[in-house]
Each structure stands twice: as structure tokens, then as C-alpha cells.
Amino acid sequence: MSNIVLAQAAAEQAANINPGLAAIGYGLGAIGPGIGVGLIFAAVINGTARQPEAQGKLQGIGFSTFVLTEVLALIGIVIYFIASAG
């Protein structure tokens, strides 16, 4: 019987994430999208320098992949708020 009580207490403590640790986790999680955005626009600039007539198409592709990358950062901040609310 005491094992069940101890397991419940451990589960409650595991659900109680420190908001500071959640902030650190989000900060580390935001590094990926930041690097991704830099690489996306570096590729757009490089491609435009090599083939100027493809600038419009490259910018369209660049902005659509930028949006997909930023969605990862937005998901990260939502998870941060969920983790720090507990």
C-alpha cells in the first residue's frame, strides 16, 4: 500500500516542473529555429547571387520555410507556458 502512495507522490512531484527550468528549456529550444532561419536566408542570398533571375521563386520558398521554422519556436513557447503553469 505504501508503494502506491509513494508512486503517486513521485508522479505529483514530476508534474511540478520548476518554471526556471522550463525557461531554460525554452531558451535552448529556441536556438534551433534561430539557426534554421539564418541558414534559410543565407541560402536565399547565396542562390540569388548565383542566379538573379530566380530571386522571386527563391524568396517565396525562403519565406514559406521561414514560417515552418518559426512554428517550431511558437510550439516551444506554448510548451513553456504549459510547463510553467503547473
Protein backbone atom coordinates (compact mmCIF):
# COMPACT_ATOMS: atom_id res chain seq x y z
CA MET A 1 0.00 0.00 0.00
CA SER A 2 2.83 2.41 0.79
CA ASN A 3 4.35 1.80 -2.65
CA ILE A 4 1.21 3.17 -4.28
CA VAL A 5 1.32 6.28 -2.11
CA LEU A 6 4.99 6.81 -2.89
CA ALA A 7 4.35 6.38 -6.62
CA GLN A 8 1.53 8.94 -6.51
CA ALA A 9 3.74 11.40 -4.64
CA ALA A 10 6.54 10.91 -7.15
CA ALA A 11 4.13 11.49 -10.03
CA GLU A 12 2.88 14.72 -8.45
CA GLN A 13 6.42 15.99 -7.95
CA ALA A 14 7.38 15.07 -11.53
CA ALA A 15 4.44 17.10 -12.85
CA ASN A 16 5.61 20.12 -10.84
CA ILE A 17 8.33 21.45 -13.15
CA ASN A 18 10.24 24.43 -11.89
CA PRO A 19 9.36 27.49 -14.03
CA GLY A 20 13.05 28.42 -14.16
CA LEU A 21 13.92 25.07 -15.68
CA ALA A 22 11.08 25.50 -18.16
CA ALA A 23 12.52 28.87 -19.20
CA ILE A 24 15.97 27.35 -19.68
CA GLY A 25 14.43 24.56 -21.74
CA TYR A 26 12.61 27.04 -23.96
CA GLY A 27 15.78 29.09 -24.38
CA LEU A 28 17.66 26.02 -25.53
CA GLY A 29 14.75 25.04 -27.76
CA ALA A 30 14.72 28.47 -29.42
CA ILE A 31 18.31 28.04 -30.59
CA GLY A 32 17.26 25.56 -33.28
CA PRO A 33 14.75 27.80 -35.05
CA GLY A 34 17.16 30.72 -34.77
CA ILE A 35 19.90 28.80 -36.53
CA GLY A 36 17.38 27.47 -39.04
CA VAL A 37 16.20 30.96 -40.02
CA GLY A 38 19.79 32.07 -40.51
CA LEU A 39 20.54 29.11 -42.75
CA ILE A 40 17.36 29.61 -44.77
CA PHE A 41 18.07 33.23 -45.62
CA ALA A 42 21.77 32.55 -46.18
CA ALA A 43 20.73 30.01 -48.81
CA VAL A 44 18.30 32.51 -50.38
CA ILE A 45 21.01 35.18 -50.58
CA ASN A 46 23.52 32.68 -51.98
CA GLY A 47 21.04 31.41 -54.56
CA THR A 48 20.08 34.94 -55.61
CA ALA A 49 23.74 35.85 -56.01
CA ARG A 50 24.29 32.82 -58.25
CA GLN A 51 21.10 33.16 -60.29
CA PRO A 52 19.48 36.61 -60.04
CA GLU A 53 16.57 35.69 -62.31
CA ALA A 54 15.36 33.12 -59.73
CA GLN A 55 15.08 35.72 -56.96
CA GLY A 56 11.27 35.72 -56.81
CA LYS A 57 10.98 31.95 -56.61
CA LEU A 58 13.76 31.70 -54.03
CA GLN A 59 12.17 34.36 -51.84
CA GLY A 60 8.84 32.53 -51.92
CA ILE A 61 10.47 29.29 -50.89
CA GLY A 62 12.53 31.12 -48.26
CA PHE A 63 9.53 32.76 -46.63
CA SER A 64 7.47 29.57 -46.60
CA THR A 65 10.29 27.63 -44.91
CA PHE A 66 10.80 30.58 -42.54
CA VAL A 67 7.17 30.21 -41.44
CA LEU A 68 7.58 26.48 -40.88
CA THR A 69 10.70 27.08 -38.81
CA GLU A 70 9.04 29.76 -36.70
CA VAL A 71 6.15 27.42 -35.95
CA LEU A 72 8.67 25.29 -34.04
CA ALA A 73 9.55 28.28 -31.86
CA LEU A 74 5.86 29.01 -31.25
CA ILE A 75 5.23 25.41 -30.25
CA GLY A 76 8.17 25.71 -27.87
CA ILE A 77 6.75 28.79 -26.17
CA VAL A 78 3.34 27.11 -25.80
CA ILE A 79 5.01 24.13 -24.16
CA TYR A 80 6.93 26.53 -21.89
CA PHE A 81 3.67 28.13 -20.72
CA ILE A 82 2.10 24.73 -20.14
CA ALA A 83 5.13 23.51 -18.17
CA SER A 84 5.46 26.65 -16.05
CA ALA A 85 1.74 26.85 -15.22
CA GLY A 86 1.83 23.61 -13.22
